[in-house]
């Protein structure tokens, strides 16, 4: 099962974020964990991302802006 990287507000290094929040004194330990776990999201299944990209490609009004590599990947699967 492959997962795609998910872009979101939490930096990729969660431990670095926790240390920063604790050292700056802006959050208690509980608040830090709550903050990180609330904003963290599980990765998206690659099949789900591919289906969403295929839908976007099929509905695109400017198809020439879709790179050939992406078009080939989506049409081959």
C-alpha atoms as a PDB file:
ATOM      1  CA  UNK A   1       0.000   0.000   0.000  1.00  0.00           C
ATOM      2  CA  UNK A   2       1.557   3.285  -1.084  1.00  0.00           C
ATOM      3  CA  UNK A   3       0.876   6.628   0.546  1.00  0.00           C
ATOM      4  CA  UNK A   4       1.222  10.084  -0.931  1.00  0.00           C
ATOM      5  CA  UNK A   5       2.780  12.908   1.051  1.00  0.00           C
ATOM      6  CA  UNK A   6       0.088  15.178   2.360  1.00  0.00           C
ATOM      7  CA  UNK A   7       0.662  18.914   2.511  1.00  0.00           C
ATOM      8  CA  UNK A   8      -0.699  20.518   5.651  1.00  0.00           C
ATOM      9  CA  UNK A   9       0.092  23.139   8.266  1.00  0.00           C
ATOM     10  CA  UNK A  10       2.223  20.929  10.512  1.00  0.00           C
ATOM     11  CA  UNK A  11       5.909  20.836   9.457  1.00  0.00           C
ATOM     12  CA  UNK A  12       7.106  17.362   8.392  1.00  0.00           C
ATOM     13  CA  UNK A  13       9.233  16.966  11.523  1.00  0.00           C
ATOM     14  CA  UNK A  14       6.669  16.668  14.343  1.00  0.00           C
ATOM     15  CA  UNK A  15       9.312  16.223  17.051  1.00  0.00           C
ATOM     16  CA  UNK A  16      10.947  19.504  16.040  1.00  0.00           C
ATOM     17  CA  UNK A  17       7.581  21.261  16.342  1.00  0.00           C
ATOM     18  CA  UNK A  18       7.001  19.773  19.790  1.00  0.00           C
ATOM     19  CA  UNK A  19      10.408  20.901  21.024  1.00  0.00           C
ATOM     20  CA  UNK A  20       9.856  24.406  19.651  1.00  0.00           C
ATOM     21  CA  UNK A  21       6.448  24.754  21.309  1.00  0.00           C
ATOM     22  CA  UNK A  22       7.783  23.510  24.634  1.00  0.00           C
ATOM     23  CA  UNK A  23      10.976  25.621  24.624  1.00  0.00           C
ATOM     24  CA  UNK A  24       9.195  28.835  23.697  1.00  0.00           C
ATOM     25  CA  UNK A  25       6.827  28.295  26.605  1.00  0.00           C
ATOM     26  CA  UNK A  26       3.759  28.921  24.478  1.00  0.00           C
ATOM     27  CA  UNK A  27       2.270  25.479  25.202  1.00  0.00           C
ATOM     28  CA  UNK A  28       2.263  23.036  28.099  1.00  0.00           C
ATOM     29  CA  UNK A  29       3.137  19.393  27.415  1.00  0.00           C
ATOM     30  CA  UNK A  30      -0.553  18.475  27.107  1.00  0.00           C
ATOM     31  CA  UNK A  31      -1.264  21.492  24.862  1.00  0.00           C
ATOM     32  CA  UNK A  32       1.732  20.627  22.667  1.00  0.00           C
ATOM     33  CA  UNK A  33       0.581  17.039  22.149  1.00  0.00           C
ATOM     34  CA  UNK A  34      -2.997  18.159  21.582  1.00  0.00           C
ATOM     35  CA  UNK A  35      -1.865  20.801  19.067  1.00  0.00           C
ATOM     36  CA  UNK A  36       0.260  18.344  17.083  1.00  0.00           C
ATOM     37  CA  UNK A  37      -2.263  15.507  17.101  1.00  0.00           C
ATOM     38  CA  UNK A  38      -5.118  17.831  16.147  1.00  0.00           C
ATOM     39  CA  UNK A  39      -3.283  19.270  13.152  1.00  0.00           C
ATOM     40  CA  UNK A  40      -1.606  16.040  12.009  1.00  0.00           C
ATOM     41  CA  UNK A  41      -3.439  14.097   9.372  1.00  0.00           C
ATOM     42  CA  UNK A  42      -2.899  10.547   8.183  1.00  0.00           C
ATOM     43  CA  UNK A  43      -1.349  10.134   4.716  1.00  0.00           C
ATOM     44  CA  UNK A  44      -3.624   9.734   1.712  1.00  0.00           C
ATOM     45  CA  UNK A  45      -3.715   6.358  -0.029  1.00  0.00           C
ATOM     46  CA  UNK A  46      -1.941   6.667  -3.376  1.00  0.00           C
ATOM     47  CA  UNK A  47      -4.935   5.086  -5.135  1.00  0.00           C
ATOM     48  CA  UNK A  48      -7.202   7.812  -3.710  1.00  0.00           C
ATOM     49  CA  UNK A  49      -4.830  10.561  -4.832  1.00  0.00           C
ATOM     50  CA  UNK A  50      -4.566   8.998  -8.299  1.00  0.00           C
ATOM     51  CA  UNK A  51      -8.371   8.834  -8.618  1.00  0.00           C
ATOM     52  CA  UNK A  52      -8.679  12.501  -7.597  1.00  0.00           C
ATOM     53  CA  UNK A  53      -5.963  13.501 -10.069  1.00  0.00           C
ATOM     54  CA  UNK A  54      -7.638  11.495 -12.845  1.00  0.00           C
ATOM     55  CA  UNK A  55     -10.939  13.246 -12.128  1.00  0.00           C
ATOM     56  CA  UNK A  56      -9.218  16.655 -12.216  1.00  0.00           C
ATOM     57  CA  UNK A  57      -7.498  15.762 -15.494  1.00  0.00           C
ATOM     58  CA  UNK A  58     -10.772  14.638 -17.069  1.00  0.00           C
ATOM     59  CA  UNK A  59     -12.535  17.847 -16.005  1.00  0.00           C
ATOM     60  CA  UNK A  60      -9.675  20.220 -16.902  1.00  0.00           C
ATOM     61  CA  UNK A  61     -10.596  22.913 -19.413  1.00  0.00           C
ATOM     62  CA  UNK A  62      -6.943  23.566 -20.305  1.00  0.00           C
ATOM     63  CA  UNK A  63      -5.602  20.056 -20.939  1.00  0.00           C
ATOM     64  CA  UNK A  64      -2.354  21.303 -22.486  1.00  0.00           C
ATOM     65  CA  UNK A  65      -1.182  22.385 -19.016  1.00  0.00           C
ATOM     66  CA  UNK A  66      -1.160  18.768 -17.767  1.00  0.00           C
ATOM     67  CA  UNK A  67       2.422  17.424 -18.042  1.00  0.00           C
ATOM     68  CA  UNK A  68       2.798  14.395 -20.321  1.00  0.00           C
ATOM     69  CA  UNK A  69       4.389  12.365 -17.493  1.00  0.00           C
ATOM     70  CA  UNK A  70       1.313  12.897 -15.290  1.00  0.00           C
ATOM     71  CA  UNK A  71      -1.091  12.167 -18.149  1.00  0.00           C
ATOM     72  CA  UNK A  72       0.784   8.946 -18.989  1.00  0.00           C
ATOM     73  CA  UNK A  73       0.845   7.825 -15.341  1.00  0.00           C
ATOM     74  CA  UNK A  74      -2.885   8.437 -14.897  1.00  0.00           C
ATOM     75  CA  UNK A  75      -3.927   6.813 -18.161  1.00  0.00           C
ATOM     76  CA  UNK A  76      -1.735   3.732 -17.700  1.00  0.00           C
ATOM     77  CA  UNK A  77      -3.311   2.718 -14.411  1.00  0.00           C
END
